[in-house]
Amino acid sequence: MISTMTQSFAKEPINEEKPEKKLITINYLNRYPFSYSENSKDVKGIEIEILESFSQWVRKNKNIDLDFNYVGHTSFDDLYETAKKENTNSISAGTITIKKERLEDVRFSAPYLRNISVLISNGEQETMSDLAMMDSLFANNKGLASKNSVHLKHLQSLKNNHFPDMMIDIVASQTDIPQMVAKDKHLFGYIDLIQFWQFKKQNPESFIKIHRIANVNEEQFGFAFGKDNEFIADLFDEFFNDGFGFTSTKQYHNILEKYLGKEIVPTVEINFADI
């Protein structure tokens, strides 16, 4: 005889209050693996999944439905100018480095990713072991950077302190730099460590190198909001900082591993020591 047993569970009380709805514009820089779209409707990436996790948290804890409207941008300068101007319910995502001087323009979330800016050149360039060698090793070479980027400021710092004759060309997009450097031994520039890793993964035959002596550490990326956008900024503050915060969760770690792989995650993830 087969006996069956039924077990009843007490149902949790249902919150019958209808959630408040908010339309939020997400301005994103179309750049793999952070925020990208293969078509205008399907947006993916590290930043997008963090934003979706934020939306779920807001729904659960504040009974507010955030309806995201994604607006793609192809240049960092355009994205940052938009972030400065939009003081309504909007969020800007584009690996925006948190800098003191930028606090005059925008508000930032807590950091969601650590970064190292690495100086790259064509593989034929002699490796620089001392910054004092730069003016001789890179003579007649040009630095590349996008307008208003932190990488441009890093190049300008090298120019002021080690290479006064440095020539700098402004490029439309930071993502163009690895390919340009790989093809021309007279070019160099800063890019993000994740961008370097991704380029080498996709172009294993390209010979570009990092000049580690010029690495810039201690950078962190954050989401940006208009100066008067207190509603979103305050919600993000609680989401990232309540208890041990979102970046201490397995969900956060899994998002990074999904897009970056295990080898680079320990270098870039925000952990408790960074809080």
Protein backbone atom coordinates (compact mmCIF):
# COMPACT_ATOMS: atom_id res chain seq x y z
CA MET A 1 0.00 0.00 0.00
CA ILE A 2 1.28 3.34 -0.90
CA SER A 3 0.47 6.02 1.57
CA THR A 4 0.37 9.65 0.67
CA MET A 5 0.80 12.59 2.94
CA THR A 6 -0.23 16.10 2.34
CA GLN A 7 1.41 18.93 4.17
CA SER A 8 -0.03 22.39 4.41
CA PHE A 9 2.04 25.49 4.89
CA ALA A 10 0.90 28.73 6.38
CA LYS A 11 0.72 31.31 3.68
CA GLU A 12 2.65 34.48 4.20
CA PRO A 13 0.47 37.56 4.33
CA ILE A 14 0.13 39.16 0.92
CA ASN A 15 0.92 42.83 0.57
CA GLU A 16 -2.19 43.97 -1.25
CA GLU A 17 -0.99 47.53 -1.58
CA LYS A 18 -0.25 48.18 -5.22
CA PRO A 19 3.37 49.17 -5.85
CA GLU A 20 4.17 52.71 -6.82
CA LYS A 21 5.53 52.94 -10.35
CA LYS A 22 8.51 55.05 -11.40
CA LEU A 23 9.92 55.50 -14.90
CA ILE A 24 13.72 55.59 -14.76
CA THR A 25 15.96 56.45 -17.71
CA ILE A 26 19.14 54.37 -17.87
CA ASN A 27 21.80 56.16 -19.91
CA TYR A 28 24.48 53.60 -20.71
CA LEU A 29 27.74 53.53 -22.64
CA ASN A 30 27.49 50.74 -25.21
CA ARG A 31 30.60 48.83 -24.21
CA TYR A 32 31.09 45.12 -23.63
CA PRO A 33 31.05 43.60 -21.00
CA PHE A 34 29.68 46.45 -18.88
CA SER A 35 26.52 47.58 -20.72
CA TYR A 36 25.91 46.59 -24.31
CA SER A 37 23.19 45.76 -26.78
CA GLU A 38 23.35 43.57 -29.84
CA ASN A 39 20.11 45.19 -30.90
CA SER A 40 18.27 48.21 -29.58
CA LYS A 41 16.00 46.17 -27.30
CA ASP A 42 18.20 43.59 -25.59
CA VAL A 43 20.64 45.30 -23.20
CA LYS A 44 23.04 43.13 -21.21
CA GLY A 45 26.19 43.37 -19.13
CA ILE A 46 27.62 43.73 -15.64
CA GLU A 47 26.12 47.16 -15.00
CA ILE A 48 22.72 46.14 -16.40
CA GLU A 49 22.47 43.09 -14.15
CA ILE A 50 23.46 45.14 -11.11
CA LEU A 51 20.73 47.64 -12.02
CA GLU A 52 18.22 44.82 -12.38
CA SER A 53 19.24 43.54 -8.93
CA PHE A 54 18.73 47.06 -7.60
CA SER A 55 15.25 47.16 -9.17
CA GLN A 56 14.34 43.84 -7.52
CA TRP A 57 15.56 45.13 -4.15
CA VAL A 58 13.50 48.31 -4.49
CA ARG A 59 10.41 46.29 -5.38
CA LYS A 60 10.86 44.00 -2.39
CA ASN A 61 11.87 46.57 0.21
CA LYS A 62 10.12 49.77 -0.92
CA ASN A 63 7.13 48.43 -2.88
CA ILE A 64 8.15 50.54 -5.88
CA ASP A 65 8.28 49.23 -9.44
CA LEU A 66 11.10 50.82 -11.42
CA ASP A 67 10.38 50.79 -15.15
CA PHE A 68 13.73 51.13 -16.93
CA ASN A 69 14.00 52.92 -20.26
CA TYR A 70 17.46 52.21 -21.73
CA VAL A 71 19.16 54.90 -23.81
CA GLY A 72 22.46 53.92 -25.42
CA HIS A 73 25.44 56.25 -25.95
CA THR A 74 28.49 55.62 -28.11
CA SER A 75 30.93 58.08 -26.50
CA PHE A 76 31.90 58.61 -22.89
CA ASP A 77 31.85 62.38 -23.30
CA ASP A 78 28.24 62.30 -24.48
CA LEU A 79 27.24 60.01 -21.60
CA TYR A 80 28.93 62.17 -18.97
CA GLU A 81 27.44 65.39 -20.31
CA THR A 82 24.02 63.73 -20.16
CA ALA A 83 24.65 62.65 -16.55
CA LYS A 84 25.49 66.25 -15.62
CA LYS A 85 22.35 67.68 -17.18
CA GLU A 86 19.71 65.17 -16.10
CA ASN A 87 18.43 65.97 -12.63
CA THR A 88 15.26 63.90 -12.93
CA ASN A 89 14.90 60.16 -12.39
CA SER A 90 17.86 58.91 -14.38
CA ILE A 91 20.93 56.73 -13.87
CA SER A 92 24.13 56.86 -15.92
CA ALA A 93 26.20 53.69 -16.33
CA GLY A 94 29.47 53.74 -18.23
CA THR A 95 32.45 52.76 -16.07
CA ILE A 96 32.50 56.30 -14.68
CA THR A 97 35.47 56.66 -12.35
CA ILE A 98 34.58 58.22 -9.02
CA LYS A 99 36.68 61.38 -8.75
CA LYS A 100 36.56 64.24 -6.27
CA GLU A 101 36.42 66.86 -9.00
CA ARG A 102 33.44 65.14 -10.63
CA LEU A 103 31.38 65.60 -7.46
CA GLU A 104 30.87 69.17 -8.64
CA ASP A 105 28.95 67.78 -11.64
CA VAL A 106 27.16 64.63 -10.45
CA ARG A 107 26.36 62.41 -7.49
CA PHE A 108 27.78 58.88 -7.32
CA SER A 109 26.62 55.58 -5.97
CA ALA A 110 28.95 53.55 -3.82
CA PRO A 111 31.51 51.79 -6.06
CA TYR A 112 30.49 48.61 -7.85
CA LEU A 113 33.87 47.73 -9.40
CA ARG A 114 37.57 48.37 -8.83
CA ASN A 115 39.79 49.29 -11.76
CA ILE A 116 43.41 49.57 -12.76
CA SER A 117 44.28 51.85 -15.65
CA VAL A 118 47.10 50.23 -17.59
CA LEU A 119 49.43 51.93 -20.06
CA ILE A 120 49.65 49.85 -23.23
CA SER A 121 51.79 49.99 -26.34
CA ASN A 122 52.59 47.88 -29.35
CA GLY A 123 54.53 44.77 -28.41
CA GLU A 124 57.57 45.96 -30.37
CA GLN A 125 58.03 48.87 -27.96
CA GLU A 126 60.74 48.33 -25.35
CA THR A 127 59.22 47.77 -21.93
CA MET A 128 59.53 50.78 -19.65
CA SER A 129 60.95 49.88 -16.24
CA ASP A 130 61.30 53.46 -14.96
CA LEU A 131 59.07 56.44 -15.69
CA ALA A 132 62.19 58.56 -16.18
CA MET A 133 62.82 56.52 -19.36
CA MET A 134 59.58 57.56 -21.00
CA ASP A 135 60.72 60.65 -22.87
CA SER A 136 63.47 58.66 -24.59
CA LEU A 137 61.66 55.34 -25.14
CA PHE A 138 58.48 56.97 -26.45
CA ALA A 139 60.06 59.82 -28.41
CA ASN A 140 58.01 60.67 -31.52
CA ASN A 141 55.18 58.42 -30.33
CA LYS A 142 51.63 59.64 -29.72
CA GLY A 143 49.39 59.03 -26.73
CA LEU A 144 45.71 58.25 -27.30
CA ALA A 145 42.72 59.03 -25.07
CA SER A 146 39.07 59.96 -25.29
CA LYS A 147 37.85 63.43 -24.31
CA ASN A 148 37.07 64.02 -20.62
CA SER A 149 38.19 60.50 -19.66
CA VAL A 150 40.27 59.68 -16.62
CA HIS A 151 42.76 58.12 -19.04
CA LEU A 152 43.39 61.51 -20.63
CA LYS A 153 44.22 62.90 -17.19
CA HIS A 154 46.66 60.04 -16.61
CA LEU A 155 48.44 60.84 -19.89
CA GLN A 156 48.55 64.53 -19.01
CA SER A 157 50.11 63.66 -15.66
CA LEU A 158 52.84 61.65 -17.41
CA LYS A 159 53.36 64.56 -19.82
CA ASN A 160 53.71 67.07 -16.99
CA ASN A 161 56.04 64.94 -14.90
CA HIS A 162 58.03 62.72 -17.25
CA PHE A 163 57.46 63.44 -20.95
CA PRO A 164 56.94 67.17 -21.66
CA ASP A 165 57.07 66.69 -25.43
CA MET A 166 54.32 64.05 -25.44
CA MET A 167 51.81 64.42 -28.27
CA ILE A 168 48.23 63.38 -27.43
CA ASP A 169 45.49 62.60 -29.95
CA ILE A 170 41.84 62.51 -28.92
CA VAL A 171 39.95 59.44 -30.13
CA ALA A 172 36.19 59.08 -30.49
CA SER A 173 36.01 56.01 -28.26
CA GLN A 174 38.33 54.49 -25.69
CA THR A 175 37.49 51.05 -27.08
CA ASP A 176 39.37 51.90 -30.31
CA ILE A 177 42.74 52.24 -28.56
CA PRO A 178 43.86 48.57 -28.26
CA GLN A 179 43.24 47.90 -31.96
CA MET A 180 45.03 51.11 -32.98
CA VAL A 181 48.02 50.35 -30.75
CA ALA A 182 48.24 46.77 -32.01
CA LYS A 183 48.57 48.06 -35.60
CA ASP A 184 50.97 50.95 -35.00
CA LYS A 185 54.17 50.78 -32.93
CA HIS A 186 54.18 54.56 -32.57
CA LEU A 187 50.99 54.72 -30.48
CA PHE A 188 50.29 54.16 -26.81
CA GLY A 189 47.55 54.94 -24.30
CA TYR A 190 45.77 54.04 -21.10
CA ILE A 191 42.85 51.61 -21.02
CA ASP A 192 41.02 49.79 -18.25
CA LEU A 193 42.43 46.45 -17.12
CA ILE A 194 39.17 44.68 -18.01
CA GLN A 195 39.29 46.20 -21.49
CA PHE A 196 42.86 44.93 -21.94
CA TRP A 197 41.85 41.46 -20.74
CA GLN A 198 38.84 41.39 -23.05
CA PHE A 199 40.83 42.54 -26.08
CA LYS A 200 43.51 39.88 -25.57
CA LYS A 201 40.83 37.25 -25.11
CA GLN A 202 39.20 38.19 -28.42
CA ASN A 203 42.48 38.92 -30.28
CA PRO A 204 45.08 36.45 -28.97
CA GLU A 205 47.33 37.01 -31.99
CA SER A 206 47.64 40.77 -31.38
CA PHE A 207 50.86 41.74 -29.59
CA ILE A 208 50.23 44.57 -27.17
CA LYS A 209 51.92 44.95 -23.82
CA ILE A 210 51.38 46.65 -20.46
CA HIS A 211 54.01 48.97 -19.01
CA ARG A 212 53.30 48.11 -15.37
CA ILE A 213 55.44 50.89 -13.94
CA ALA A 214 52.79 53.35 -15.19
CA ASN A 215 49.73 51.49 -13.84
CA VAL A 216 47.25 53.65 -11.93
CA ASN A 217 45.56 51.76 -9.10
CA GLU A 218 42.88 52.71 -6.55
CA GLU A 219 40.24 53.64 -9.12
CA GLN A 220 36.61 52.71 -8.58
CA PHE A 221 33.57 52.82 -10.87
CA GLY A 222 30.17 54.12 -9.75
CA PHE A 223 26.76 54.89 -11.19
CA ALA A 224 26.16 58.61 -11.66
CA PHE A 225 23.05 60.70 -10.99
CA GLY A 226 22.11 64.33 -11.47
CA LYS A 227 23.01 66.57 -8.53
CA ASP A 228 19.34 67.00 -7.54
CA ASN A 229 18.33 63.38 -8.03
CA GLU A 230 17.93 62.54 -4.34
CA PHE A 231 15.27 59.87 -4.85
CA ILE A 232 17.48 57.45 -6.80
CA ALA A 233 20.70 58.41 -5.02
CA ASP A 234 19.23 57.68 -1.60
CA LEU A 235 17.82 54.32 -2.70
CA PHE A 236 21.19 53.32 -4.14
CA ASP A 237 22.91 54.37 -0.93
CA GLU A 238 20.75 51.99 1.08
CA PHE A 239 21.01 49.19 -1.50
CA PHE A 240 24.82 49.27 -1.53
CA ASN A 241 25.47 50.06 2.12
CA ASP A 242 22.78 48.42 4.28
CA GLY A 243 24.39 45.67 6.35
CA PHE A 244 27.37 44.34 4.41
CA GLY A 245 25.91 45.72 1.19
CA PHE A 246 25.14 44.29 -2.23
CA THR A 247 28.80 43.80 -3.17
CA SER A 248 29.17 41.27 -0.34
CA THR A 249 26.51 39.00 -1.85
CA LYS A 250 26.87 35.86 -3.91
CA GLN A 251 24.59 37.44 -6.49
CA TYR A 252 27.12 40.24 -7.10
CA HIS A 253 30.02 37.78 -7.33
CA ASN A 254 28.10 35.58 -9.79
CA ILE A 255 27.40 38.56 -12.07
CA LEU A 256 31.13 39.32 -12.30
CA GLU A 257 32.07 35.69 -12.92
CA LYS A 258 29.42 35.42 -15.65
CA TYR A 259 30.99 38.20 -17.72
CA LEU A 260 34.63 38.18 -16.64
CA GLY A 261 35.60 34.67 -15.65
CA LYS A 262 37.21 33.57 -12.40
CA GLU A 263 40.76 34.69 -13.16
CA ILE A 264 40.17 38.44 -13.15
CA VAL A 265 37.30 38.78 -10.66
CA PRO A 266 39.50 38.90 -7.50
CA THR A 267 41.35 41.88 -8.97
CA VAL A 268 38.28 44.00 -9.72
CA GLU A 269 35.48 43.03 -7.33
CA ILE A 270 34.56 45.32 -4.46
CA ASN A 271 34.98 43.46 -1.17
CA PHE A 272 34.52 44.32 2.48
CA ALA A 273 38.05 45.76 2.73
CA ASP A 274 37.11 48.37 0.12
CA ILE A 275 34.07 49.65 2.03
